[in-house]
């Protein structure tokens, strides 16, 4: 991940989720998650999904009904 978690990115995600966020809160959130995101990036974890996540509910319902 060459990109960093910035207050602007936090604000963009909040806006996409229609969640109002003040500038100081975006700065605090970015500062809080940046170290964790950086460490996860350094590990270069890959977690392939066998099933697309949106279909989990459909599979669960099918199993519940028999």
N, C-alpha and C. Protein backbone atom coordinates (compact mmCIF):
# COMPACT_ATOMS: atom_id res chain seq x y z
N UNK A 1 0.85 -1.18 0.00
CA UNK A 1 0.00 0.00 0.00
C UNK A 1 0.89 1.23 0.00
N UNK A 2 0.99 1.86 -1.10
CA UNK A 2 1.81 3.05 -1.17
C UNK A 2 1.03 4.28 -0.72
N UNK A 3 -0.27 4.15 -0.62
CA UNK A 3 -1.08 5.27 -0.18
C UNK A 3 -1.20 5.27 1.34
N UNK A 4 -1.37 6.42 1.90
CA UNK A 4 -1.49 6.55 3.35
C UNK A 4 -2.95 6.81 3.73
N UNK A 5 -3.25 6.57 4.98
CA UNK A 5 -4.57 6.91 5.50
C UNK A 5 -4.50 8.38 5.91
N UNK A 6 -5.17 9.21 5.17
CA UNK A 6 -5.14 10.65 5.43
C UNK A 6 -6.51 11.12 5.91
N UNK A 7 -6.55 12.26 6.55
CA UNK A 7 -7.86 12.81 6.95
C UNK A 7 -8.80 12.99 5.76
N UNK A 8 -8.23 13.33 4.61
CA UNK A 8 -9.06 13.50 3.42
C UNK A 8 -9.70 12.19 2.99
N UNK A 9 -8.95 11.10 3.09
CA UNK A 9 -9.50 9.78 2.75
C UNK A 9 -10.58 9.37 3.75
N UNK A 10 -10.33 9.66 5.03
CA UNK A 10 -11.34 9.34 6.05
C UNK A 10 -12.62 10.12 5.76
N UNK A 11 -12.47 11.39 5.42
CA UNK A 11 -13.65 12.20 5.10
C UNK A 11 -14.37 11.68 3.86
N UNK A 12 -13.62 11.20 2.88
CA UNK A 12 -14.24 10.66 1.67
C UNK A 12 -15.04 9.40 1.99
N UNK A 13 -14.48 8.51 2.80
CA UNK A 13 -15.21 7.30 3.19
C UNK A 13 -16.45 7.66 4.01
N UNK A 14 -16.31 8.62 4.90
CA UNK A 14 -17.45 9.04 5.72
C UNK A 14 -18.54 9.63 4.83
N UNK A 15 -18.14 10.44 3.86
CA UNK A 15 -19.13 11.04 2.95
C UNK A 15 -19.83 9.97 2.13
N UNK A 16 -19.07 8.96 1.70
CA UNK A 16 -19.68 7.87 0.93
C UNK A 16 -20.69 7.10 1.76
N UNK A 17 -20.43 7.02 3.07
CA UNK A 17 -21.35 6.32 3.97
C UNK A 17 -22.43 7.25 4.51
N UNK A 18 -22.39 8.50 4.05
CA UNK A 18 -23.35 9.53 4.50
C UNK A 18 -23.28 9.74 6.01
N UNK A 19 -22.05 9.76 6.50
CA UNK A 19 -21.82 10.01 7.93
C UNK A 19 -21.09 11.34 8.04
N UNK A 20 -21.69 12.31 8.70
CA UNK A 20 -21.00 13.59 8.85
C UNK A 20 -19.81 13.43 9.79
N UNK A 21 -18.70 14.07 9.45
CA UNK A 21 -17.51 13.99 10.29
C UNK A 21 -16.81 15.34 10.28
N UNK A 22 -16.41 15.78 11.44
CA UNK A 22 -15.70 17.06 11.55
C UNK A 22 -14.24 16.85 11.17
N UNK A 23 -13.59 17.93 10.78
CA UNK A 23 -12.19 17.86 10.37
C UNK A 23 -11.29 17.28 11.46
N UNK A 24 -11.49 17.71 12.70
CA UNK A 24 -10.62 17.22 13.78
C UNK A 24 -10.84 15.73 14.02
N UNK A 25 -12.06 15.26 13.83
CA UNK A 25 -12.34 13.83 14.00
C UNK A 25 -11.69 13.02 12.89
N UNK A 26 -11.68 13.55 11.68
CA UNK A 26 -11.03 12.86 10.57
C UNK A 26 -9.53 12.77 10.79
N UNK A 27 -8.95 13.82 11.33
CA UNK A 27 -7.51 13.80 11.65
C UNK A 27 -7.22 12.75 12.70
N UNK A 28 -8.03 12.71 13.75
CA UNK A 28 -7.83 11.72 14.83
C UNK A 28 -8.00 10.31 14.31
N UNK A 29 -9.01 10.08 13.48
CA UNK A 29 -9.26 8.73 12.95
C UNK A 29 -8.10 8.28 12.07
N UNK A 30 -7.64 9.16 11.20
CA UNK A 30 -6.52 8.81 10.32
C UNK A 30 -5.27 8.50 11.13
N UNK A 31 -5.00 9.32 12.13
CA UNK A 31 -3.83 9.10 12.97
C UNK A 31 -3.95 7.80 13.76
N UNK A 32 -5.15 7.43 14.14
CA UNK A 32 -5.36 6.22 14.94
C UNK A 32 -5.19 4.94 14.12
N UNK A 33 -5.65 4.93 12.88
CA UNK A 33 -5.62 3.69 12.10
C UNK A 33 -4.38 3.53 11.22
N UNK A 34 -3.67 4.63 10.97
CA UNK A 34 -2.50 4.57 10.08
C UNK A 34 -1.46 3.53 10.51
N UNK A 35 -1.05 3.45 11.79
CA UNK A 35 -0.04 2.44 12.15
C UNK A 35 -0.50 1.00 11.91
N UNK A 36 -1.74 0.71 12.19
CA UNK A 36 -2.26 -0.64 11.99
C UNK A 36 -2.32 -0.97 10.50
N UNK A 37 -2.79 -0.05 9.70
CA UNK A 37 -2.87 -0.27 8.26
C UNK A 37 -1.46 -0.48 7.70
N UNK A 38 -0.51 0.30 8.17
CA UNK A 38 0.87 0.16 7.69
C UNK A 38 1.45 -1.20 8.05
N UNK A 39 1.20 -1.67 9.30
CA UNK A 39 1.70 -2.99 9.71
C UNK A 39 1.06 -4.10 8.90
N UNK A 40 -0.23 -4.02 8.65
CA UNK A 40 -0.90 -5.04 7.84
C UNK A 40 -0.35 -5.05 6.42
N UNK A 41 -0.05 -3.88 5.90
CA UNK A 41 0.52 -3.80 4.56
C UNK A 41 1.90 -4.44 4.52
N UNK A 42 2.70 -4.24 5.55
CA UNK A 42 4.03 -4.83 5.60
C UNK A 42 3.98 -6.36 5.62
N UNK A 43 2.92 -6.92 6.19
CA UNK A 43 2.77 -8.37 6.23
C UNK A 43 2.35 -8.95 4.87
N UNK A 44 1.82 -8.10 4.03
CA UNK A 44 1.36 -8.51 2.69
C UNK A 44 0.43 -9.72 2.76
N UNK A 45 -0.55 -9.62 3.64
CA UNK A 45 -1.50 -10.71 3.81
C UNK A 45 -2.42 -10.83 2.60
N UNK A 46 -2.69 -12.04 2.24
CA UNK A 46 -3.67 -12.30 1.19
C UNK A 46 -4.67 -13.30 1.72
N UNK A 47 -5.90 -12.97 1.62
CA UNK A 47 -6.97 -13.84 2.10
C UNK A 47 -7.97 -14.02 0.97
N UNK A 48 -7.77 -15.05 0.13
CA UNK A 48 -8.70 -15.24 -0.97
C UNK A 48 -10.08 -15.67 -0.47
N UNK A 49 -11.10 -15.17 -1.11
CA UNK A 49 -12.47 -15.55 -0.75
C UNK A 49 -12.93 -16.65 -1.70
N UNK A 50 -13.41 -17.72 -1.13
CA UNK A 50 -13.94 -18.81 -1.95
C UNK A 50 -15.31 -18.44 -2.50
N UNK A 51 -16.05 -17.68 -1.72
CA UNK A 51 -17.39 -17.27 -2.11
C UNK A 51 -17.48 -15.77 -2.01
N UNK A 52 -18.13 -15.17 -2.95
CA UNK A 52 -18.29 -13.73 -2.94
C UNK A 52 -19.15 -13.36 -1.73
N UNK A 53 -18.72 -12.38 -0.90
CA UNK A 53 -19.41 -12.08 0.36
C UNK A 53 -20.90 -11.78 0.24
N UNK A 54 -21.34 -11.18 -0.84
CA UNK A 54 -22.76 -10.85 -0.97
C UNK A 54 -23.63 -12.10 -1.05
N UNK A 55 -23.04 -13.24 -1.39
CA UNK A 55 -23.84 -14.46 -1.51
C UNK A 55 -23.91 -15.25 -0.20
N UNK A 56 -23.23 -14.80 0.85
CA UNK A 56 -23.26 -15.52 2.12
C UNK A 56 -24.68 -15.68 2.65
N UNK A 57 -25.48 -14.62 2.58
CA UNK A 57 -26.85 -14.68 3.09
C UNK A 57 -27.67 -15.68 2.29
N UNK A 58 -27.52 -15.69 0.98
CA UNK A 58 -28.26 -16.63 0.14
C UNK A 58 -27.90 -18.07 0.49
N UNK A 59 -26.62 -18.32 0.71
CA UNK A 59 -26.18 -19.67 1.08
C UNK A 59 -26.72 -20.06 2.45
N UNK A 60 -26.69 -19.13 3.39
CA UNK A 60 -27.19 -19.41 4.73
C UNK A 60 -28.68 -19.70 4.70
N UNK A 61 -29.44 -18.94 3.92
CA UNK A 61 -30.89 -19.17 3.82
C UNK A 61 -31.18 -20.52 3.17
N UNK A 62 -30.42 -20.88 2.15
CA UNK A 62 -30.63 -22.15 1.48
C UNK A 62 -30.36 -23.29 2.45
N UNK A 63 -29.31 -23.19 3.25
CA UNK A 63 -28.99 -24.23 4.21
C UNK A 63 -30.04 -24.33 5.31
N UNK A 64 -30.63 -23.20 5.69
CA UNK A 64 -31.64 -23.18 6.75
C UNK A 64 -32.96 -23.80 6.30
N UNK A 65 -33.27 -23.67 5.01
CA UNK A 65 -34.54 -24.20 4.52
C UNK A 65 -34.43 -25.64 4.07
N UNK A 66 -33.24 -26.13 4.02
CA UNK A 66 -33.11 -27.54 3.77
C UNK A 66 -32.51 -27.91 2.50
